[in-house]
C-alpha cells in the first residue's frame, strides 16, 4: 500500500487512481495523513474487504510524473531521528572514525517538505544526503530487535539537506540546526508498506544533481540496520506513531569532494530508492526574510 498526502488529505495511491481514505470510509478513518499512519493495518483490511472506488483523475503514473500536489506523507512527527556515519564508505570519504553505536542527531519538523518542494539555499555551502526514511506506525520503549519491524508503517525517500558551514563550525560541531532550514527535509513521495518490497533490507539509493549521479548505495550496507536502530532509540526515547528515522547516507556528498561541490540556485536534485519512488526538488535563492 502507498499512503500519501494529496492536497493535505490522506489518500491511498493505486495504478487506477487514488482513494480518499476519510471520504471513502465515511469517516471511519481520519483525513489527516499523520493520523492514518497508526491505522495502516486496519486501512489495508478495509481496502481488501470494501474495495472502495478510486478517483481516476490522480493515478500513480500521473503523480510520479508531477508530484506538485503531494505534501510530505508525515507533516508533524513528534520526533525526527537521524543517524550519522551509518555507511562505511561515507565514513571513509569524510575521514571520520566509524561509531561503535548509532550516532544520533535530530532534524526539526518545521524543515519538512514534500517530494516536489523547492529548497531555498541560505548559503553557498548546502549539501545533499539521500536517505532511506523509516516511518513508525507503533511506538513504545525498549523494543526488542526481533520485534522492531512490527512497529514500522513503511518507508519513504528522504533528503537530509545540510548547511555545511554552520554544521562544522563549532567544537563539537552543530548538526541539528544546520540541517533544519526551511525545506531541508523533503520526504515522500508516499509511505510504502514493507509488503510491497521484494527485499526491504536491500534497496538501491541514488541521488543525481542536474542529471549527474552523485550518490549510489544499497541499504544492505548499513552499519546499524533498521531493527537495531529502532531498538537502540527506544531504549532511551519513547517512540511514537509517525516518528521518522533517517537511516544515514552513502558516499558521494558534496563537501567530501575535491574540490567541494555544493547545491546552487536553479539546480535540480533527484533522489530515488528502488520500490519507493523519487523526490525531485529544485534549488532556489533564499526566501526573503519577514
Protein backbone atom coordinates (compact mmCIF):
# COMPACT_ATOMS: atom_id res chain seq x y z
CA UNK A 1 0.00 0.00 0.00
CA UNK A 2 1.09 3.55 -0.74
CA UNK A 3 -0.23 6.20 1.66
CA UNK A 4 0.21 9.78 0.52
CA UNK A 5 -0.64 13.37 1.38
CA UNK A 6 -2.59 14.70 -1.60
CA UNK A 7 -3.69 18.32 -1.21
CA UNK A 8 -3.48 17.88 2.56
CA UNK A 9 -5.63 14.74 2.76
CA UNK A 10 -4.67 11.11 3.33
CA UNK A 11 -5.05 9.02 0.19
CA UNK A 12 -4.11 5.54 -0.93
CA UNK A 13 -2.48 5.60 -4.35
CA UNK A 14 -3.15 2.80 -6.83
CA UNK A 15 -2.43 2.22 -10.51
CA UNK A 16 -6.06 3.11 -11.30
CA UNK A 17 -6.30 6.25 -9.15
CA UNK A 18 -6.44 7.48 -5.57
CA UNK A 19 -8.75 6.65 -2.70
CA UNK A 20 -9.53 9.44 -0.25
CA UNK A 21 -9.33 7.48 2.99
CA UNK A 22 -11.74 9.56 5.09
CA UNK A 23 -14.33 10.15 2.38
CA UNK A 24 -14.38 6.59 1.06
CA UNK A 25 -14.63 5.11 4.57
CA UNK A 26 -17.44 7.51 5.60
CA UNK A 27 -15.23 8.94 8.34
CA UNK A 28 -14.10 5.65 9.81
CA UNK A 29 -10.51 6.78 9.19
CA UNK A 30 -9.15 10.31 9.58
CA UNK A 31 -8.37 12.69 6.72
CA UNK A 32 -5.13 13.95 8.31
CA UNK A 33 -2.22 11.98 6.82
CA UNK A 34 -0.25 11.69 10.07
CA UNK A 35 -3.25 10.25 11.92
CA UNK A 36 -3.67 7.48 9.33
CA UNK A 37 -0.15 6.14 9.87
CA UNK A 38 -1.14 4.29 13.04
CA UNK A 39 -4.11 2.70 11.23
CA UNK A 40 -2.35 1.24 8.19
CA UNK A 41 -3.19 -2.37 9.08
CA UNK A 42 -6.88 -1.52 9.51
CA UNK A 43 -6.86 0.55 6.30
CA UNK A 44 -5.33 -2.36 4.38
CA UNK A 45 -8.01 -4.73 5.71
CA UNK A 46 -10.75 -2.23 4.84
CA UNK A 47 -9.42 -1.82 1.30
CA UNK A 48 -9.42 -5.59 0.77
CA UNK A 49 -12.93 -6.03 2.17
CA UNK A 50 -14.75 -2.98 0.75
CA UNK A 51 -12.83 -2.31 -2.49
CA UNK A 52 -13.71 1.41 -2.48
CA UNK A 53 -13.99 3.31 -5.75
CA UNK A 54 -10.89 5.15 -6.91
CA UNK A 55 -10.66 8.67 -8.28
CA UNK A 56 -9.02 8.23 -11.71
CA UNK A 57 -8.02 11.90 -12.00
CA UNK A 58 -4.83 11.25 -9.99
CA UNK A 59 -3.20 7.93 -10.87
CA UNK A 60 0.12 6.54 -9.70
CA UNK A 61 1.68 7.33 -13.09
CA UNK A 62 0.35 10.88 -13.07
CA UNK A 63 1.67 11.59 -9.59
CA UNK A 64 5.03 10.07 -10.48
CA UNK A 65 5.22 12.47 -13.41
CA UNK A 66 4.04 15.51 -11.45
CA UNK A 67 4.20 15.36 -7.66
CA UNK A 68 3.43 19.04 -7.00
CA UNK A 69 0.11 18.18 -5.32
CA UNK A 70 1.85 15.86 -2.86
CA UNK A 71 2.93 17.10 0.53
CA UNK A 72 5.17 15.24 2.96
CA UNK A 73 3.40 11.98 3.86
CA UNK A 74 4.04 12.83 7.51
CA UNK A 75 3.69 16.53 8.29
CA UNK A 76 4.21 16.93 12.04
CA UNK A 77 6.01 13.98 13.65
CA UNK A 78 6.78 14.34 17.32
CA UNK A 79 10.35 13.22 16.68
CA UNK A 80 12.72 13.03 13.72
CA UNK A 81 15.81 10.95 14.42
CA UNK A 82 18.78 10.93 12.05
CA UNK A 83 21.77 8.63 12.03
CA UNK A 84 25.24 9.81 11.09
CA UNK A 85 28.07 7.78 9.52
CA UNK A 86 25.93 4.69 9.02
CA UNK A 87 27.66 3.61 5.77
CA UNK A 88 31.34 2.68 5.83
CA UNK A 89 32.07 4.38 2.51
CA UNK A 90 30.62 7.65 3.83
CA UNK A 91 32.86 7.39 6.89
CA UNK A 92 35.84 6.82 4.61
CA UNK A 93 35.12 9.83 2.40
CA UNK A 94 34.73 12.15 5.40
CA UNK A 95 37.82 10.84 7.18
CA UNK A 96 35.81 10.33 10.37
CA UNK A 97 36.01 7.27 12.61
CA UNK A 98 33.01 4.98 12.43
CA UNK A 99 30.94 4.96 15.63
CA UNK A 100 30.68 1.96 17.94
CA UNK A 101 26.99 2.72 18.49
CA UNK A 102 24.50 4.65 16.32
CA UNK A 103 25.42 8.34 16.06
CA UNK A 104 22.11 10.12 16.57
CA UNK A 105 21.08 13.71 15.89
CA UNK A 106 17.76 15.38 15.07
CA UNK A 107 16.11 17.29 12.28
CA UNK A 108 13.29 19.59 13.35
CA UNK A 109 9.77 19.05 11.93
CA UNK A 110 9.47 22.63 10.65
CA UNK A 111 12.02 21.68 7.96
CA UNK A 112 9.77 19.01 6.41
CA UNK A 113 8.78 19.45 2.77
CA UNK A 114 7.08 17.49 0.02
CA UNK A 115 8.61 15.43 -2.78
CA UNK A 116 8.47 18.28 -5.32
CA UNK A 117 9.11 21.22 -2.99
CA UNK A 118 11.63 23.93 -3.81
CA UNK A 119 14.64 24.11 -1.49
CA UNK A 120 15.77 27.68 -0.75
CA UNK A 121 19.53 27.75 -0.16
CA UNK A 122 20.55 30.04 2.73
CA UNK A 123 24.28 29.86 1.88
CA UNK A 124 26.62 28.69 -0.86
CA UNK A 125 27.63 25.57 1.14
CA UNK A 126 24.44 23.48 1.13
CA UNK A 127 24.88 19.75 0.53
CA UNK A 128 22.81 16.68 -0.31
CA UNK A 129 22.36 13.34 1.51
CA UNK A 130 19.87 10.82 0.10
CA UNK A 131 18.50 8.52 2.81
CA UNK A 132 16.03 5.74 3.46
CA UNK A 133 13.45 7.03 5.95
CA UNK A 134 11.59 4.72 8.33
CA UNK A 135 8.06 5.75 9.34
CA UNK A 136 6.85 4.24 12.60
CA UNK A 137 3.28 3.03 12.94
CA UNK A 138 3.55 1.93 16.53
CA UNK A 139 5.66 3.34 19.32
CA UNK A 140 6.93 2.12 22.62
CA UNK A 141 10.00 1.77 24.80
CA UNK A 142 12.62 -0.97 24.97
CA UNK A 143 11.56 -2.59 21.71
CA UNK A 144 13.47 -5.87 21.12
CA UNK A 145 15.41 -6.13 17.88
CA UNK A 146 13.41 -9.18 16.76
CA UNK A 147 10.14 -7.24 17.15
CA UNK A 148 11.28 -3.90 15.74
CA UNK A 149 9.88 -4.26 12.22
CA UNK A 150 6.43 -4.89 13.70
CA UNK A 151 6.49 -1.22 14.68
CA UNK A 152 7.20 0.06 11.16
CA UNK A 153 4.45 1.57 9.00
CA UNK A 154 6.67 1.70 5.93
CA UNK A 155 9.49 3.52 4.19
CA UNK A 156 9.88 6.65 2.11
CA UNK A 157 12.65 8.56 0.37
CA UNK A 158 14.32 11.41 2.22
CA UNK A 159 16.94 14.09 1.73
CA UNK A 160 18.98 15.34 4.67
CA UNK A 161 19.96 18.72 3.21
CA UNK A 162 22.86 20.14 5.22
CA UNK A 163 24.30 23.64 5.52
CA UNK A 164 27.93 22.65 5.99
CA UNK A 165 29.45 25.93 7.18
CA UNK A 166 27.37 26.15 10.36
CA UNK A 167 27.26 22.36 10.77
CA UNK A 168 31.04 22.08 11.00
CA UNK A 169 31.86 25.44 12.61
CA UNK A 170 31.69 24.51 16.29
CA UNK A 171 33.57 22.20 18.61
CA UNK A 172 31.75 19.88 18.84
CA UNK A 173 30.02 20.59 15.50
CA UNK A 174 26.36 21.65 15.34
CA UNK A 175 24.29 19.23 13.31
CA UNK A 176 20.60 19.75 14.07
CA UNK A 177 20.11 23.45 13.29
CA UNK A 178 22.31 23.26 10.21
CA UNK A 179 20.06 20.51 8.87
CA UNK A 180 16.73 22.16 9.69
CA UNK A 181 16.44 25.24 7.48
CA UNK A 182 13.12 25.61 5.60
CA UNK A 183 12.51 22.66 3.23
CA UNK A 184 15.76 20.96 4.29
CA UNK A 185 13.86 17.72 4.96
CA UNK A 186 11.93 16.71 1.83
CA UNK A 187 10.33 13.27 2.15
CA UNK A 188 7.98 11.16 0.08
CA UNK A 189 6.59 10.73 -2.38
CA UNK A 190 4.45 8.46 -0.19
CA UNK A 191 4.80 5.83 2.54
CA UNK A 192 5.26 2.38 1.01
CA UNK A 193 4.43 -0.55 3.25
CA UNK A 194 7.01 -3.31 3.55
CA UNK A 195 4.84 -5.97 1.93
CA UNK A 196 5.24 -4.15 -1.42
CA UNK A 197 9.03 -4.52 -1.38
CA UNK A 198 10.86 -7.61 -2.65
CA UNK A 199 13.61 -7.23 -0.04
CA UNK A 200 13.10 -4.30 2.36
CA UNK A 201 16.65 -4.77 3.72
CA UNK A 202 18.33 -4.32 0.32
CA UNK A 203 17.18 -1.25 -1.57
CA UNK A 204 19.20 0.88 -4.00
CA UNK A 205 19.56 4.60 -3.22
CA UNK A 206 20.50 7.05 -5.97
CA UNK A 207 20.95 10.81 -5.97
CA UNK A 208 21.51 12.90 -9.10
CA UNK A 209 22.30 16.59 -9.37
CA UNK A 210 21.32 18.11 -12.72
CA UNK A 211 21.45 14.63 -14.22
CA UNK A 212 24.88 13.76 -12.80
CA UNK A 213 24.81 10.75 -10.48
CA UNK A 214 26.46 11.87 -7.24
CA UNK A 215 25.39 9.06 -4.87
CA UNK A 216 24.58 5.38 -5.28
CA UNK A 217 24.39 2.85 -2.48
CA UNK A 218 22.46 -0.11 -1.07
CA UNK A 219 20.73 -0.31 2.27
CA UNK A 220 22.23 -3.76 2.86
CA UNK A 221 25.44 -1.82 3.60
CA UNK A 222 24.01 -0.03 6.63
CA UNK A 223 26.33 -0.48 9.61
CA UNK A 224 23.40 -0.44 12.03
CA UNK A 225 20.34 -1.96 10.39
CA UNK A 226 16.78 -0.76 10.90
CA UNK A 227 15.79 -3.19 13.70
CA UNK A 228 18.97 -2.25 15.58
CA UNK A 229 18.23 1.47 15.19
CA UNK A 230 14.65 1.11 16.44
CA UNK A 231 15.74 -0.94 19.43
CA UNK A 232 18.58 1.46 20.24
CA UNK A 233 16.41 4.58 20.05
CA UNK A 234 13.56 3.04 22.04
CA UNK A 235 15.96 2.16 24.85
CA UNK A 236 16.22 5.90 25.53
CA UNK A 237 13.20 7.61 23.96
CA UNK A 238 9.58 6.61 23.85
CA UNK A 239 8.89 6.19 20.14
CA UNK A 240 5.54 7.40 18.84
CA UNK A 241 3.35 6.78 15.79
CA UNK A 242 4.52 8.76 12.73
CA UNK A 243 8.02 9.33 14.13
CA UNK A 244 10.68 9.35 11.42
CA UNK A 245 14.14 7.77 11.35
CA UNK A 246 16.64 8.96 8.71
CA UNK A 247 18.93 5.95 8.49
CA UNK A 248 22.09 7.51 7.07
CA UNK A 249 23.60 8.35 3.69
CA UNK A 250 26.10 6.53 1.46
CA UNK A 251 29.21 8.16 0.00
CA UNK A 252 29.11 10.91 -2.61
CA UNK A 253 28.23 14.01 -0.61
CA UNK A 254 29.45 17.34 -1.91
CA UNK A 255 31.68 18.65 0.86
CA UNK A 256 33.84 15.49 0.84
CA UNK A 257 34.79 16.02 -2.83
CA UNK A 258 37.95 17.70 -4.09
CA UNK A 259 37.10 20.41 -4.87
CA UNK A 260 33.93 20.55 -2.79
CA UNK A 261 30.68 20.70 -4.74
CA UNK A 262 27.51 22.29 -3.39
CA UNK A 263 23.93 22.93 -4.41
CA UNK A 264 23.30 26.10 -6.42
CA UNK A 265 20.11 28.03 -7.23
CA UNK A 266 18.48 26.59 -10.32
CA UNK A 267 19.90 23.10 -9.88
CA UNK A 268 17.61 20.06 -9.56
CA UNK A 269 18.16 17.32 -7.02
CA UNK A 270 16.62 13.94 -7.79
CA UNK A 271 16.58 11.29 -5.04
CA UNK A 272 15.40 7.75 -5.78
CA UNK A 273 15.08 4.49 -3.83
CA UNK A 274 14.08 1.26 -5.55
CA UNK A 275 10.41 0.49 -4.96
CA UNK A 276 9.74 3.72 -3.06
CA UNK A 277 9.67 6.37 -5.77
CA UNK A 278 11.59 9.60 -6.04
CA UNK A 279 11.91 13.19 -4.89
CA UNK A 280 12.55 15.95 -7.43
CA UNK A 281 13.50 19.17 -5.70
CA UNK A 282 14.61 22.39 -7.35
CA UNK A 283 17.07 24.61 -5.51
CA UNK A 284 16.24 28.31 -5.28
CA UNK A 285 17.62 31.53 -3.85
CA UNK A 286 16.86 32.23 -0.19
CA UNK A 287 13.37 33.27 0.76
CA UNK A 288 13.10 36.94 1.73
CA UNK A 289 13.07 37.43 5.49
CA UNK A 290 9.88 38.82 7.01
